């Protein structure tokens, strides 16, 4: 995926969740220090429909994921200006030891192309939101 470097950090684009009023840059590579600043690409790509993005549960980052409803719109704008539209298809809480569930199971026909996750406020679990790709603009 193309990146844009800003202040020494590579970004793949921005994530916009209209109902929550959230627009955040997505760092290209997982780095714990960067995670304190922005969401980061945990794994995958929007090219291969298996992108996983994580962020801290700050109110300005992914804390509101727990309030997303099925069918809600998620928009990813790449650094090249291409816009990817997604719809929320699932939201679940998983144990911290189950983080491998965020990866797409390519051996089955799962209904997600984008996964977003964060810690619960207690840090004892993870909120995982699955989204399906609906088109480009």
Protein backbone atom coordinates (compact mmCIF):
# COMPACT_ATOMS: atom_id res chain seq x y z
CA UNK A 1 0.00 0.00 0.00
CA UNK A 2 1.24 3.51 -0.70
CA UNK A 3 2.20 5.60 2.31
CA UNK A 4 2.61 9.26 3.09
CA UNK A 5 5.33 10.19 5.56
CA UNK A 6 4.52 12.96 8.00
CA UNK A 7 7.00 13.91 10.73
CA UNK A 8 8.84 10.63 10.18
CA UNK A 9 5.73 8.42 10.47
CA UNK A 10 4.27 6.52 7.50
CA UNK A 11 0.48 6.65 7.12
CA UNK A 12 -1.80 4.62 4.83
CA UNK A 13 -4.75 7.00 5.02
CA UNK A 14 -7.56 8.15 7.28
CA UNK A 15 -10.45 6.33 8.90
CA UNK A 16 -13.78 8.13 9.14
CA UNK A 17 -16.74 6.93 11.22
CA UNK A 18 -19.48 9.45 10.37
CA UNK A 19 -22.00 8.73 13.14
CA UNK A 20 -19.34 8.95 15.83
CA UNK A 21 -17.74 12.05 14.30
CA UNK A 22 -14.35 10.34 14.23
CA UNK A 23 -11.70 10.99 11.57
CA UNK A 24 -8.26 9.62 12.37
CA UNK A 25 -5.03 8.98 10.47
CA UNK A 26 -3.88 5.35 10.29
CA UNK A 27 -0.17 4.69 10.77
CA UNK A 28 1.17 2.15 8.29
CA UNK A 29 2.95 -0.11 10.77
CA UNK A 30 2.20 -1.29 14.28
CA UNK A 31 4.33 0.50 16.83
CA UNK A 32 3.29 0.72 20.48
CA UNK A 33 4.60 4.27 20.84
CA UNK A 34 2.65 5.39 17.75
CA UNK A 35 -0.46 3.70 19.14
CA UNK A 36 -0.56 6.44 21.80
CA UNK A 37 -0.92 8.98 18.97
CA UNK A 38 -3.04 7.38 16.24
CA UNK A 39 -4.65 4.11 15.21
CA UNK A 40 -2.19 1.77 13.52
CA UNK A 41 -2.36 -0.94 10.88
CA UNK A 42 -2.07 -4.14 12.87
CA UNK A 43 -2.12 -6.45 9.86
CA UNK A 44 -3.35 -6.85 6.30
CA UNK A 45 -4.24 -4.41 3.57
CA UNK A 46 -7.24 -2.72 1.99
CA UNK A 47 -5.98 -4.19 -1.30
CA UNK A 48 -6.51 -7.76 -0.07
CA UNK A 49 -9.65 -7.09 2.03
CA UNK A 50 -8.05 -8.21 5.28
CA UNK A 51 -7.05 -4.91 6.90
CA UNK A 52 -6.89 -4.88 10.71
CA UNK A 53 -6.60 -1.54 12.52
CA UNK A 54 -6.17 -1.13 16.27
CA UNK A 55 -6.16 1.89 18.54
CA UNK A 56 -6.25 2.72 22.21
CA UNK A 57 -9.64 3.09 23.82
CA UNK A 58 -9.30 6.86 24.16
CA UNK A 59 -12.60 8.71 23.69
CA UNK A 60 -11.05 10.43 20.64
CA UNK A 61 -9.85 7.12 19.18
CA UNK A 62 -11.61 3.72 19.38
CA UNK A 63 -13.45 3.85 22.73
CA UNK A 64 -16.75 4.58 20.89
CA UNK A 65 -16.48 1.33 18.84
CA UNK A 66 -18.62 -0.31 21.50
CA UNK A 67 -21.51 1.93 20.40
CA UNK A 68 -21.46 1.07 16.68
CA UNK A 69 -24.55 -0.63 15.29
CA UNK A 70 -24.78 -3.17 12.50
CA UNK A 71 -24.94 -1.53 9.08
CA UNK A 72 -23.14 1.65 10.11
CA UNK A 73 -20.80 3.22 7.60
CA UNK A 74 -17.00 3.23 7.92
CA UNK A 75 -14.92 5.10 5.33
CA UNK A 76 -11.23 4.67 4.66
CA UNK A 77 -9.49 7.23 2.47
CA UNK A 78 -6.09 6.09 1.19
CA UNK A 79 -3.17 8.48 0.83
CA UNK A 80 -3.74 8.34 -2.95
CA UNK A 81 -7.29 9.68 -2.46
CA UNK A 82 -9.14 6.44 -3.18
CA UNK A 83 -12.14 5.99 -0.89
CA UNK A 84 -13.16 2.58 0.45
CA UNK A 85 -16.66 2.19 1.88
CA UNK A 86 -17.49 -0.44 4.50
CA UNK A 87 -20.51 -1.43 6.61
CA UNK A 88 -20.35 -2.85 10.13
CA UNK A 89 -21.40 -6.52 10.05
CA UNK A 90 -20.43 -7.71 13.52
CA UNK A 91 -19.34 -6.42 16.91
CA UNK A 92 -18.11 -8.69 19.66
CA UNK A 93 -16.04 -8.74 22.81
CA UNK A 94 -13.10 -11.12 22.90
CA UNK A 95 -10.58 -12.09 25.55
CA UNK A 96 -7.09 -10.54 25.36
CA UNK A 97 -5.73 -14.02 24.66
CA UNK A 98 -8.00 -14.33 21.59
CA UNK A 99 -6.43 -11.51 19.57
CA UNK A 100 -5.58 -14.03 16.83
CA UNK A 101 -9.30 -13.85 15.99
CA UNK A 102 -8.72 -10.42 14.43
CA UNK A 103 -6.99 -12.06 11.47
CA UNK A 104 -9.16 -13.02 8.52
CA UNK A 105 -9.63 -16.74 8.14
CA UNK A 106 -8.95 -17.14 4.42
CA UNK A 107 -9.91 -20.82 4.53
CA UNK A 108 -13.54 -19.88 5.12
CA UNK A 109 -15.98 -17.38 3.67
CA UNK A 110 -16.07 -14.82 6.49
CA UNK A 111 -18.06 -11.65 5.96
CA UNK A 112 -15.45 -9.07 6.88
CA UNK A 113 -12.90 -7.11 4.94
CA UNK A 114 -11.92 -4.61 7.65
CA UNK A 115 -11.51 -5.27 11.38
CA UNK A 116 -11.15 -2.61 14.06
CA UNK A 117 -10.28 -3.40 17.66
CA UNK A 118 -9.45 -1.79 20.97
CA UNK A 119 -9.35 -2.61 24.67
CA UNK A 120 -12.40 -2.33 26.87
CA UNK A 121 -12.13 0.42 29.53
CA UNK A 122 -10.97 -2.14 32.10
CA UNK A 123 -8.39 -3.56 29.69
CA UNK A 124 -9.63 -7.05 30.51
CA UNK A 125 -11.16 -7.68 27.07
CA UNK A 126 -11.14 -6.37 23.49
CA UNK A 127 -13.93 -4.86 21.41
CA UNK A 128 -13.74 -6.21 17.85
CA UNK A 129 -15.75 -4.66 15.02
CA UNK A 130 -16.02 -6.41 11.64
CA UNK A 131 -16.87 -4.58 8.44
CA UNK A 132 -17.65 -5.70 4.91
CA UNK A 133 -16.48 -3.82 1.83
CA UNK A 134 -19.30 -2.20 -0.14
CA UNK A 135 -17.45 -0.22 -2.81
CA UNK A 136 -15.04 2.48 -3.88
CA UNK A 137 -15.56 6.06 -4.88
